[in-house]
Amino acid sequence: MELWQVPLLFSRLPMFPFFDLAHYVVSVMALKEQRGAVEVSVRSPVACWFSAMLYCFGGSVLSSLMLAEPPVAFLAKGTNILLASSVWYLVFYCPQDIFYRCFAFLPLRLLVAGMKEVTRTWKITAGIAHADSRFKDAWLVMVAVGWARGAGGGLISNFEQLVRGVWKPETNELLKMSYPVKVTLIGAVLFTLQHSQCLPIARHNLVFLYTIFLVVSKVTMMLTRSAASPFAPFEAALGHMFFGLQKTPSKVKGEGATSSNGSSVCDRSSSEQHHDGVKKRQAKKTD
């Protein structure tokens, strides 16, 4: 096998069962680590199971809704549902929490996290191809569906929280995007351009390079325990260039308080000076 064949062979990797299994393990473990998820699993296993399925198949649900297709179509994949449900049961109800502790071991967690990022690339490309079959050469539709398919679990996180009885609108991904959602959007744009033949690169080469970037960045962030996005400097520069720097409400409020305090101090000093002047005039009259 020659070196140039590696990207081509990589792009033909089947996701089922090993990569899909890694995706389910990482997704359900992320659910368990949410505050209150363990209590929900004890109080209502059905709600916990449904939340786990949204974590695992959120991209399929959201992309189906966007294309006016049945959002429950993912339930027709009986083997995948059985595999994901088995992972859910072992993560939440395995005796002594053995299954969760096993995959929480750092080397194993790095392995399954990297494998999950591989599935992200496959989901983006599948979403773009499916959108193109429904809406030919509709760039925005392809980007939106590819983004939804690859990062649907994050984009519908508010709905998933409602299933567990939690309402946190401030966690909306559109208000403050997490790194996985951002990098999926970038991937959806790149693969849409490649699919429309506007990007001069073969599909398998782009799949290989993008996936390598995903895996390396994910593993690096986990090893360094950094939640900062690698795109933060570019985001700051582009935000300053196109939208300008805007003061946050807290700063504006603080400045308002400072100015009001300053004006009150000035008022007090002027009143004190006036009072002293009155006293001096009275003293002169007395003399």
C-alpha atoms as a PDB file:
ATOM      1  CA  MET A   1       0.000   0.000   0.000  1.00  0.00           C
ATOM      2  CA  GLU A   2       1.390   3.372  -1.018  1.00  0.00           C
ATOM      3  CA  LEU A   3       1.169   6.497   1.098  1.00  0.00           C
ATOM      4  CA  TRP A   4      -1.196   8.329  -1.242  1.00  0.00           C
ATOM      5  CA  GLN A   5      -3.738   5.536  -0.832  1.00  0.00           C
ATOM      6  CA  VAL A   6      -4.102   6.082   2.921  1.00  0.00           C
ATOM      7  CA  PRO A   7      -6.681   8.925   2.660  1.00  0.00           C
ATOM      8  CA  LEU A   8      -8.698   6.915   0.129  1.00  0.00           C
ATOM      9  CA  LEU A   9      -8.782   3.799   2.305  1.00  0.00           C
ATOM     10  CA  PHE A  10      -9.530   5.916   5.359  1.00  0.00           C
ATOM     11  CA  SER A  11     -12.542   7.517   3.660  1.00  0.00           C
ATOM     12  CA  ARG A  12     -13.979   4.021   3.095  1.00  0.00           C
ATOM     13  CA  LEU A  13     -13.888   2.983   6.748  1.00  0.00           C
ATOM     14  CA  PRO A  14     -17.235   1.592   7.976  1.00  0.00           C
ATOM     15  CA  MET A  15     -18.589   3.346  11.049  1.00  0.00           C
ATOM     16  CA  PHE A  16     -20.582   0.381  12.359  1.00  0.00           C
ATOM     17  CA  PRO A  17     -20.051  -1.122  14.834  1.00  0.00           C
ATOM     18  CA  PHE A  18     -16.825   0.141  16.450  1.00  0.00           C
ATOM     19  CA  PHE A  19     -16.923   3.852  15.655  1.00  0.00           C
ATOM     20  CA  ASP A  20     -20.650   4.072  16.329  1.00  0.00           C
ATOM     21  CA  LEU A  21     -20.090   2.274  19.619  1.00  0.00           C
ATOM     22  CA  ALA A  22     -17.429   4.820  20.591  1.00  0.00           C
ATOM     23  CA  HIS A  23     -19.842   7.632  19.713  1.00  0.00           C
ATOM     24  CA  TYR A  24     -22.532   6.140  21.946  1.00  0.00           C
ATOM     25  CA  VAL A  25     -20.115   5.617  24.843  1.00  0.00           C
ATOM     26  CA  VAL A  26     -18.808   9.195  24.746  1.00  0.00           C
ATOM     27  CA  SER A  27     -22.299  10.667  24.331  1.00  0.00           C
ATOM     28  CA  VAL A  28     -23.912   8.732  27.189  1.00  0.00           C
ATOM     29  CA  MET A  29     -20.944   9.395  29.467  1.00  0.00           C
ATOM     30  CA  ALA A  30     -21.311  13.102  28.724  1.00  0.00           C
ATOM     31  CA  LEU A  31     -24.974  12.839  29.683  1.00  0.00           C
ATOM     32  CA  LYS A  32     -24.157  11.124  32.967  1.00  0.00           C
ATOM     33  CA  GLU A  33     -21.746  13.918  33.839  1.00  0.00           C
ATOM     34  CA  GLN A  34     -24.504  16.517  33.542  1.00  0.00           C
ATOM     35  CA  ARG A  35     -25.767  17.850  36.848  1.00  0.00           C
ATOM     36  CA  GLY A  36     -28.847  15.947  38.009  1.00  0.00           C
ATOM     37  CA  ALA A  37     -28.658  13.249  35.313  1.00  0.00           C
ATOM     38  CA  VAL A  38     -27.985  10.446  37.796  1.00  0.00           C
ATOM     39  CA  GLU A  39     -30.981  11.500  39.908  1.00  0.00           C
ATOM     40  CA  VAL A  40     -33.165  11.459  36.783  1.00  0.00           C
ATOM     41  CA  SER A  41     -31.951   7.938  35.956  1.00  0.00           C
ATOM     42  CA  VAL A  42     -33.187   6.776  39.362  1.00  0.00           C
ATOM     43  CA  ARG A  43     -36.418   8.755  39.341  1.00  0.00           C
ATOM     44  CA  SER A  44     -37.403   8.194  35.706  1.00  0.00           C
ATOM     45  CA  PRO A  45     -35.418   5.678  33.603  1.00  0.00           C
ATOM     46  CA  VAL A  46     -37.627   6.415  30.586  1.00  0.00           C
ATOM     47  CA  ALA A  47     -36.719  10.126  30.598  1.00  0.00           C
ATOM     48  CA  CYS A  48     -33.062   9.222  31.075  1.00  0.00           C
ATOM     49  CA  TRP A  49     -33.178   6.778  28.150  1.00  0.00           C
ATOM     50  CA  PHE A  50     -34.846   9.336  25.890  1.00  0.00           C
ATOM     51  CA  SER A  51     -32.211  11.939  26.817  1.00  0.00           C
ATOM     52  CA  ALA A  52     -29.495   9.408  25.978  1.00  0.00           C
ATOM     53  CA  MET A  53     -31.063   8.735  22.585  1.00  0.00           C
ATOM     54  CA  LEU A  54     -31.134  12.484  21.889  1.00  0.00           C
ATOM     55  CA  TYR A  55     -27.456  12.654  22.761  1.00  0.00           C
ATOM     56  CA  CYS A  56     -26.695   9.749  20.434  1.00  0.00           C
ATOM     57  CA  PHE A  57     -29.074  10.531  17.544  1.00  0.00           C
ATOM     58  CA  GLY A  58     -29.693  14.269  17.932  1.00  0.00           C
ATOM     59  CA  GLY A  59     -28.136  14.981  14.538  1.00  0.00           C
ATOM     60  CA  SER A  60     -30.527  12.632  12.770  1.00  0.00           C
ATOM     61  CA  VAL A  61     -33.530  14.108  14.585  1.00  0.00           C
ATOM     62  CA  LEU A  62     -32.631  17.724  13.799  1.00  0.00           C
ATOM     63  CA  SER A  63     -31.649  17.145  10.171  1.00  0.00           C
ATOM     64  CA  SER A  64     -34.881  15.194   9.586  1.00  0.00           C
ATOM     65  CA  LEU A  65     -36.931  18.060  10.971  1.00  0.00           C
ATOM     66  CA  MET A  66     -35.105  20.525   8.730  1.00  0.00           C
ATOM     67  CA  LEU A  67     -35.875  18.428   5.636  1.00  0.00           C
ATOM     68  CA  ALA A  68     -39.520  17.810   6.633  1.00  0.00           C
ATOM     69  CA  GLU A  69     -38.852  14.135   7.241  1.00  0.00           C
ATOM     70  CA  PRO A  70     -40.084  12.038  10.190  1.00  0.00           C
ATOM     71  CA  PRO A  71     -37.877  12.864  13.195  1.00  0.00           C
ATOM     72  CA  VAL A  72     -38.425   9.348  14.547  1.00  0.00           C
ATOM     73  CA  ALA A  73     -36.810   7.746  11.509  1.00  0.00           C
ATOM     74  CA  PHE A  74     -33.711   6.927  13.547  1.00  0.00           C
ATOM     75  CA  LEU A  75     -35.804   4.485  15.589  1.00  0.00           C
ATOM     76  CA  ALA A  76     -36.070   2.294  12.477  1.00  0.00           C
ATOM     77  CA  LYS A  77     -32.384   1.433  12.878  1.00  0.00           C
ATOM     78  CA  GLY A  78     -33.041  -1.323  15.373  1.00  0.00           C
ATOM     79  CA  THR A  79     -29.443  -2.510  15.662  1.00  0.00           C
ATOM     80  CA  ASN A  80     -28.126   0.978  16.394  1.00  0.00           C
ATOM     81  CA  ILE A  81     -30.888   1.627  18.907  1.00  0.00           C
ATOM     82  CA  LEU A  82     -30.151  -1.674  20.650  1.00  0.00           C
ATOM     83  CA  LEU A  83     -26.436  -0.886  20.777  1.00  0.00           C
ATOM     84  CA  ALA A  84     -26.989   2.644  22.090  1.00  0.00           C
ATOM     85  CA  SER A  85     -29.534   1.410  24.653  1.00  0.00           C
ATOM     86  CA  SER A  86     -27.089  -1.235  25.874  1.00  0.00           C
ATOM     87  CA  VAL A  87     -24.442   1.439  26.347  1.00  0.00           C
ATOM     88  CA  TRP A  88     -26.953   3.629  28.199  1.00  0.00           C
ATOM     89  CA  TYR A  89     -27.866   0.792  30.563  1.00  0.00           C
ATOM     90  CA  LEU A  90     -24.249  -0.109  31.286  1.00  0.00           C
ATOM     91  CA  VAL A  91     -23.198   3.504  31.874  1.00  0.00           C
ATOM     92  CA  PHE A  92     -26.028   4.268  34.309  1.00  0.00           C
ATOM     93  CA  TYR A  93     -26.883   0.938  35.910  1.00  0.00           C
ATOM     94  CA  CYS A  94     -23.777  -1.273  35.766  1.00  0.00           C
ATOM     95  CA  PRO A  95     -22.953  -2.625  39.269  1.00  0.00           C
ATOM     96  CA  GLN A  96     -20.274  -0.625  41.059  1.00  0.00           C
ATOM     97  CA  ASP A  97     -20.222   1.739  38.061  1.00  0.00           C
ATOM     98  CA  ILE A  98     -17.616  -0.551  36.491  1.00  0.00           C
ATOM     99  CA  PHE A  99     -18.423   0.289  32.854  1.00  0.00           C
ATOM    100  CA  TYR A 100     -18.243   4.061  33.376  1.00  0.00           C
ATOM    101  CA  ARG A 101     -15.052   3.832  35.428  1.00  0.00           C
ATOM    102  CA  CYS A 102     -13.437   1.656  32.795  1.00  0.00           C
ATOM    103  CA  PHE A 103     -14.001   4.177  29.999  1.00  0.00           C
ATOM    104  CA  ALA A 104     -13.220   7.093  32.308  1.00  0.00           C
ATOM    105  CA  PHE A 105      -9.642   5.750  32.373  1.00  0.00           C
ATOM    106  CA  LEU A 106      -7.753   8.410  30.401  1.00  0.00           C
ATOM    107  CA  PRO A 107      -6.162   6.259  27.640  1.00  0.00           C
ATOM    108  CA  LEU A 108      -9.498   4.591  26.869  1.00  0.00           C
ATOM    109  CA  ARG A 109     -11.331   7.887  27.041  1.00  0.00           C
ATOM    110  CA  LEU A 110      -8.898   9.451  24.595  1.00  0.00           C
ATOM    111  CA  LEU A 111      -9.391   6.505  22.251  1.00  0.00           C
ATOM    112  CA  VAL A 112     -13.189   6.637  22.181  1.00  0.00           C
ATOM    113  CA  ALA A 113     -13.180  10.446  22.000  1.00  0.00           C
ATOM    114  CA  GLY A 114     -10.952  10.314  18.922  1.00  0.00           C
ATOM    115  CA  MET A 115     -13.162   7.668  17.338  1.00  0.00           C
ATOM    116  CA  LYS A 116     -16.219   9.816  17.993  1.00  0.00           C
ATOM    117  CA  GLU A 117     -14.626  12.702  16.076  1.00  0.00           C
ATOM    118  CA  VAL A 118     -14.230  10.366  13.104  1.00  0.00           C
ATOM    119  CA  THR A 119     -17.991   9.788  13.098  1.00  0.00           C
ATOM    120  CA  ARG A 120     -18.516  13.559  13.090  1.00  0.00           C
ATOM    121  CA  THR A 121     -16.870  13.836   9.686  1.00  0.00           C
ATOM    122  CA  TRP A 122     -18.967  10.992   8.274  1.00  0.00           C
ATOM    123  CA  LYS A 123     -22.167  12.595   9.591  1.00  0.00           C
ATOM    124  CA  ILE A 124     -21.339  15.962   8.038  1.00  0.00           C
ATOM    125  CA  THR A 125     -20.675  14.460   4.614  1.00  0.00           C
ATOM    126  CA  ALA A 126     -23.782  12.269   4.827  1.00  0.00           C
ATOM    127  CA  GLY A 127     -25.938  15.242   5.748  1.00  0.00           C
ATOM    128  CA  ILE A 128     -24.593  17.333   2.864  1.00  0.00           C
ATOM    129  CA  ALA A 129     -25.132  14.529   0.355  1.00  0.00           C
ATOM    130  CA  HIS A 130     -28.674  13.952   1.622  1.00  0.00           C
ATOM    131  CA  ALA A 131     -29.514  17.665   1.452  1.00  0.00           C
ATOM    132  CA  ASP A 132     -28.136  17.888  -2.083  1.00  0.00           C
ATOM    133  CA  SER A 133     -30.376  15.002  -3.148  1.00  0.00           C
ATOM    134  CA  ARG A 134     -33.412  16.951  -1.903  1.00  0.00           C
ATOM    135  CA  PHE A 135     -32.351  20.481  -2.869  1.00  0.00           C
ATOM    136  CA  LYS A 136     -29.912  20.428  -5.763  1.00  0.00           C
ATOM    137  CA  ASP A 137     -27.006  22.892  -5.427  1.00  0.00           C
ATOM    138  CA  ALA A 138     -28.654  24.709  -2.511  1.00  0.00           C
ATOM    139  CA  TRP A 139     -25.536  25.728  -0.624  1.00  0.00           C
ATOM    140  CA  LEU A 140     -27.185  27.093   2.494  1.00  0.00           C
ATOM    141  CA  VAL A 141     -29.379  24.031   2.848  1.00  0.00           C
ATOM    142  CA  MET A 142     -26.383  21.726   2.511  1.00  0.00           C
ATOM    143  CA  VAL A 143     -24.404  23.690   5.107  1.00  0.00           C
ATOM    144  CA  ALA A 144     -27.344  23.782   7.521  1.00  0.00           C
ATOM    145  CA  VAL A 145     -28.161  20.082   7.223  1.00  0.00           C
ATOM    146  CA  GLY A 146     -24.518  19.029   7.390  1.00  0.00           C
ATOM    147  CA  TRP A 147     -24.086  21.190  10.484  1.00  0.00           C
ATOM    148  CA  ALA A 148     -27.228  19.771  12.060  1.00  0.00           C
ATOM    149  CA  ARG A 149     -26.253  16.172  11.297  1.00  0.00           C
ATOM    150  CA  GLY A 150     -22.755  16.607  12.736  1.00  0.00           C
ATOM    151  CA  ALA A 151     -23.594  18.684  15.819  1.00  0.00           C
ATOM    152  CA  GLY A 152     -27.280  18.015  16.389  1.00  0.00           C
ATOM    153  CA  GLY A 153     -26.779  16.796  19.947  1.00  0.00           C
ATOM    154  CA  GLY A 154     -25.406  20.190  20.927  1.00  0.00           C
ATOM    155  CA  LEU A 155     -27.870  22.244  18.893  1.00  0.00           C
ATOM    156  CA  ILE A 156     -30.900  20.594  20.527  1.00  0.00           C
ATOM    157  CA  SER A 157     -29.381  20.578  24.010  1.00  0.00           C
ATOM    158  CA  ASN A 158     -32.140  22.843  25.349  1.00  0.00           C
ATOM    159  CA  PHE A 159     -34.817  20.355  24.293  1.00  0.00           C
ATOM    160  CA  GLU A 160     -32.826  17.493  25.798  1.00  0.00           C
ATOM    161  CA  GLN A 161     -32.581  19.423  29.073  1.00  0.00           C
ATOM    162  CA  LEU A 162     -36.342  19.869  29.090  1.00  0.00           C
ATOM    163  CA  VAL A 163     -36.728  16.091  28.978  1.00  0.00           C
ATOM    164  CA  ARG A 164     -34.780  15.962  32.243  1.00  0.00           C
ATOM    165  CA  GLY A 165     -36.819  18.809  33.744  1.00  0.00           C
ATOM    166  CA  VAL A 166     -34.129  21.463  33.304  1.00  0.00           C
ATOM    167  CA  TRP A 167     -34.645  24.811  31.611  1.00  0.00           C
ATOM    168  CA  LYS A 168     -31.485  26.820  30.895  1.00  0.00           C
ATOM    169  CA  PRO A 169     -32.066  29.102  27.902  1.00  0.00           C
ATOM    170  CA  GLU A 170     -28.709  30.798  28.507  1.00  0.00           C
ATOM    171  CA  THR A 171     -26.989  27.568  27.405  1.00  0.00           C
ATOM    172  CA  ASN A 172     -28.390  27.880  23.875  1.00  0.00           C
ATOM    173  CA  GLU A 173     -25.603  26.966  21.446  1.00  0.00           C
ATOM    174  CA  LEU A 174     -26.560  29.817  19.123  1.00  0.00           C
ATOM    175  CA  LEU A 175     -25.910  32.315  21.928  1.00  0.00           C
ATOM    176  CA  LYS A 176     -22.566  30.842  22.921  1.00  0.00           C
ATOM    177  CA  MET A 177     -21.295  28.121  20.625  1.00  0.00           C
ATOM    178  CA  SER A 178     -19.136  25.370  22.034  1.00  0.00           C
ATOM    179  CA  TYR A 179     -16.022  24.243  20.172  1.00  0.00           C
ATOM    180  CA  PRO A 180     -17.615  21.073  18.678  1.00  0.00           C
ATOM    181  CA  VAL A 181     -20.491  23.105  17.226  1.00  0.00           C
ATOM    182  CA  LYS A 182     -18.098  25.686  15.767  1.00  0.00           C
ATOM    183  CA  VAL A 183     -15.756  23.171  14.189  1.00  0.00           C
ATOM    184  CA  THR A 184     -18.727  21.245  12.766  1.00  0.00           C
ATOM    185  CA  LEU A 185     -20.027  24.414  11.131  1.00  0.00           C
ATOM    186  CA  ILE A 186     -16.610  25.038   9.584  1.00  0.00           C
ATOM    187  CA  GLY A 187     -16.533  21.452   8.339  1.00  0.00           C
ATOM    188  CA  ALA A 188     -20.012  21.782   6.850  1.00  0.00           C
ATOM    189  CA  VAL A 189     -18.897  24.862   4.903  1.00  0.00           C
ATOM    190  CA  LEU A 190     -15.712  23.177   3.665  1.00  0.00           C
ATOM    191  CA  PHE A 191     -17.435  19.976   2.561  1.00  0.00           C
ATOM    192  CA  THR A 192     -20.231  21.958   0.885  1.00  0.00           C
ATOM    193  CA  LEU A 193     -17.651  23.897  -1.122  1.00  0.00           C
ATOM    194  CA  GLN A 194     -15.903  20.652  -2.034  1.00  0.00           C
ATOM    195  CA  HIS A 195     -19.199  18.984  -2.957  1.00  0.00           C
ATOM    196  CA  SER A 196     -20.014  21.930  -5.233  1.00  0.00           C
ATOM    197  CA  GLN A 197     -16.539  21.669  -6.791  1.00  0.00           C
ATOM    198  CA  CYS A 198     -15.571  25.117  -5.549  1.00  0.00           C
ATOM    199  CA  LEU A 199     -12.734  23.746  -3.436  1.00  0.00           C
ATOM    200  CA  PRO A 200      -9.893  22.224  -5.474  1.00  0.00           C
ATOM    201  CA  ILE A 201      -9.307  19.132  -3.355  1.00  0.00           C
ATOM    202  CA  ALA A 202     -10.438  15.520  -3.594  1.00  0.00           C
ATOM    203  CA  ARG A 203     -13.152  14.458  -1.176  1.00  0.00           C
ATOM    204  CA  HIS A 204     -11.132  11.681   0.444  1.00  0.00           C
ATOM    205  CA  ASN A 205      -8.190  14.038   1.018  1.00  0.00           C
ATOM    206  CA  LEU A 206     -10.430  16.620   2.674  1.00  0.00           C
ATOM    207  CA  VAL A 207     -12.051  13.910   4.798  1.00  0.00           C
ATOM    208  CA  PHE A 208      -8.641  12.696   5.928  1.00  0.00           C
ATOM    209  CA  LEU A 209      -7.203  16.150   6.717  1.00  0.00           C
ATOM    210  CA  TYR A 210     -10.322  17.418   8.477  1.00  0.00           C
ATOM    211  CA  THR A 211     -10.639  14.264  10.583  1.00  0.00           C
ATOM    212  CA  ILE A 212      -6.977  14.405  11.588  1.00  0.00           C
ATOM    213  CA  PHE A 213      -7.489  18.001  12.697  1.00  0.00           C
ATOM    214  CA  LEU A 214     -10.567  17.020  14.720  1.00  0.00           C
ATOM    215  CA  VAL A 215      -8.841  14.132  16.466  1.00  0.00           C
ATOM    216  CA  VAL A 216      -5.632  16.014  17.231  1.00  0.00           C
ATOM    217  CA  SER A 217      -7.416  19.085  18.561  1.00  0.00           C
ATOM    218  CA  LYS A 218      -9.790  16.986  20.685  1.00  0.00           C
ATOM    219  CA  VAL A 219      -7.024  14.875  22.211  1.00  0.00           C
ATOM    220  CA  THR A 220      -4.913  17.972  22.857  1.00  0.00           C
ATOM    221  CA  MET A 221      -7.774  19.759  24.605  1.00  0.00           C
ATOM    222  CA  MET A 222      -8.443  16.702  26.768  1.00  0.00           C
ATOM    223  CA  LEU A 223      -4.784  16.255  27.721  1.00  0.00           C
ATOM    224  CA  THR A 224      -4.317  19.938  28.550  1.00  0.00           C
ATOM    225  CA  ARG A 225      -7.784  20.144  30.136  1.00  0.00           C
ATOM    226  CA  SER A 226      -8.416  23.294  28.169  1.00  0.00           C
ATOM    227  CA  ALA A 227     -11.913  24.415  27.255  1.00  0.00           C
ATOM    228  CA  ALA A 228     -10.696  27.365  25.183  1.00  0.00           C
ATOM    229  CA  SER A 229     -11.445  27.212  21.486  1.00  0.00           C
ATOM    230  CA  PRO A 230      -8.432  27.175  19.132  1.00  0.00           C
ATOM    231  CA  PHE A 231     -10.395  29.617  16.985  1.00  0.00           C
ATOM    232  CA  ALA A 232     -10.648  32.246  19.750  1.00  0.00           C
ATOM    233  CA  PRO A 233      -7.930  34.591  18.347  1.00  0.00           C
ATOM    234  CA  PHE A 234      -9.468  34.471  14.861  1.00  0.00           C
ATOM    235  CA  GLU A 235     -12.951  35.039  16.282  1.00  0.00           C
ATOM    236  CA  ALA A 236     -11.740  38.068  18.248  1.00  0.00           C
ATOM    237  CA  ALA A 237      -9.980  39.540  15.197  1.00  0.00           C
ATOM    238  CA  LEU A 238     -12.937  38.976  12.873  1.00  0.00           C
ATOM    239  CA  GLY A 239     -15.397  40.272  15.472  1.00  0.00           C
ATOM    240  CA  HIS A 240     -13.375  43.450  15.886  1.00  0.00           C
ATOM    241  CA  MET A 241     -13.023  43.859  12.123  1.00  0.00           C
ATOM    242  CA  PHE A 242     -16.645  43.347  11.103  1.00  0.00           C
ATOM    243  CA  PHE A 243     -18.696  44.145  14.202  1.00  0.00           C
ATOM    244  CA  GLY A 244     -16.454  46.395  16.302  1.00  0.00           C
ATOM    245  CA  LEU A 245     -15.748  46.220  20.006  1.00  0.00           C
ATOM    246  CA  GLN A 246     -18.821  46.719  22.157  1.00  0.00           C
ATOM    247  CA  LYS A 247     -18.853  47.305  25.880  1.00  0.00           C
ATOM    248  CA  THR A 248     -20.452  44.629  27.961  1.00  0.00           C
ATOM    249  CA  PRO A 249     -23.455  45.623  30.081  1.00  0.00           C
ATOM    250  CA  SER A 250     -21.467  45.045  33.276  1.00  0.00           C
ATOM    251  CA  LYS A 251     -18.818  47.537  32.197  1.00  0.00           C
ATOM    252  CA  VAL A 252     -21.385  50.092  31.148  1.00  0.00           C
ATOM    253  CA  LYS A 253     -23.187  49.635  34.447  1.00  0.00           C
ATOM    254  CA  GLY A 254     -19.936  49.989  36.347  1.00  0.00           C
ATOM    255  CA  GLU A 255     -19.088  53.172  34.461  1.00  0.00           C
ATOM    256  CA  GLY A 256     -22.533  54.530  35.196  1.00  0.00           C
ATOM    257  CA  ALA A 257     -22.107  53.802  38.868  1.00  0.00           C
ATOM    258  CA  THR A 258     -18.694  55.443  38.837  1.00  0.00           C
ATOM    259  CA  SER A 259     -20.009  58.561  37.134  1.00  0.00           C
ATOM    260  CA  SER A 260     -22.943  58.784  39.509  1.00  0.00           C
ATOM    261  CA  ASN A 261     -20.623  58.383  42.485  1.00  0.00           C
ATOM    262  CA  GLY A 262     -18.330  61.006  41.039  1.00  0.00           C
ATOM    263  CA  SER A 263     -21.198  63.442  40.518  1.00  0.00           C
ATOM    264  CA  SER A 264     -22.445  62.841  44.058  1.00  0.00           C
ATOM    265  CA  VAL A 265     -18.957  63.497  45.430  1.00  0.00           C
ATOM    266  CA  CYS A 266     -18.798  66.730  43.424  1.00  0.00           C
ATOM    267  CA  ASP A 267     -22.210  67.738  44.721  1.00  0.00           C
ATOM    268  CA  ARG A 268     -21.141  67.065  48.282  1.00  0.00           C
ATOM    269  CA  SER A 269     -17.907  69.018  47.896  1.00  0.00           C
ATOM    270  CA  SER A 270     -19.699  72.003  46.323  1.00  0.00           C
ATOM    271  CA  SER A 271     -22.321  72.026  49.085  1.00  0.00           C
ATOM    272  CA  GLU A 272     -19.564  71.866  51.699  1.00  0.00           C
ATOM    273  CA  GLN A 273     -17.775  74.804  50.063  1.00  0.00           C
ATOM    274  CA  HIS A 274     -20.997  76.787  49.992  1.00  0.00           C
ATOM    275  CA  HIS A 275     -21.610  76.005  53.660  1.00  0.00           C
ATOM    276  CA  ASP A 276     -18.070  77.133  54.586  1.00  0.00           C
ATOM    277  CA  GLY A 277     -18.551  80.395  52.658  1.00  0.00           C
ATOM    278  CA  VAL A 278     -21.755  81.138  54.557  1.00  0.00           C
ATOM    279  CA  LYS A 279     -19.967  80.545  57.857  1.00  0.00           C
ATOM    280  CA  LYS A 280     -17.120  82.915  56.913  1.00  0.00           C
ATOM    281  CA  ARG A 281     -19.545  85.692  55.924  1.00  0.00           C
ATOM    282  CA  GLN A 282     -21.404  85.285  59.197  1.00  0.00           C
ATOM    283  CA  ALA A 283     -18.114  85.469  61.090  1.00  0.00           C
ATOM    284  CA  LYS A 284     -17.165  88.715  59.317  1.00  0.00           C
ATOM    285  CA  LYS A 285     -20.529  90.282  60.167  1.00  0.00           C
ATOM    286  CA  THR A 286     -20.064  89.306  63.795  1.00  0.00           C
ATOM    287  CA  ASP A 287     -16.620  90.961  63.857  1.00  0.00           C
END
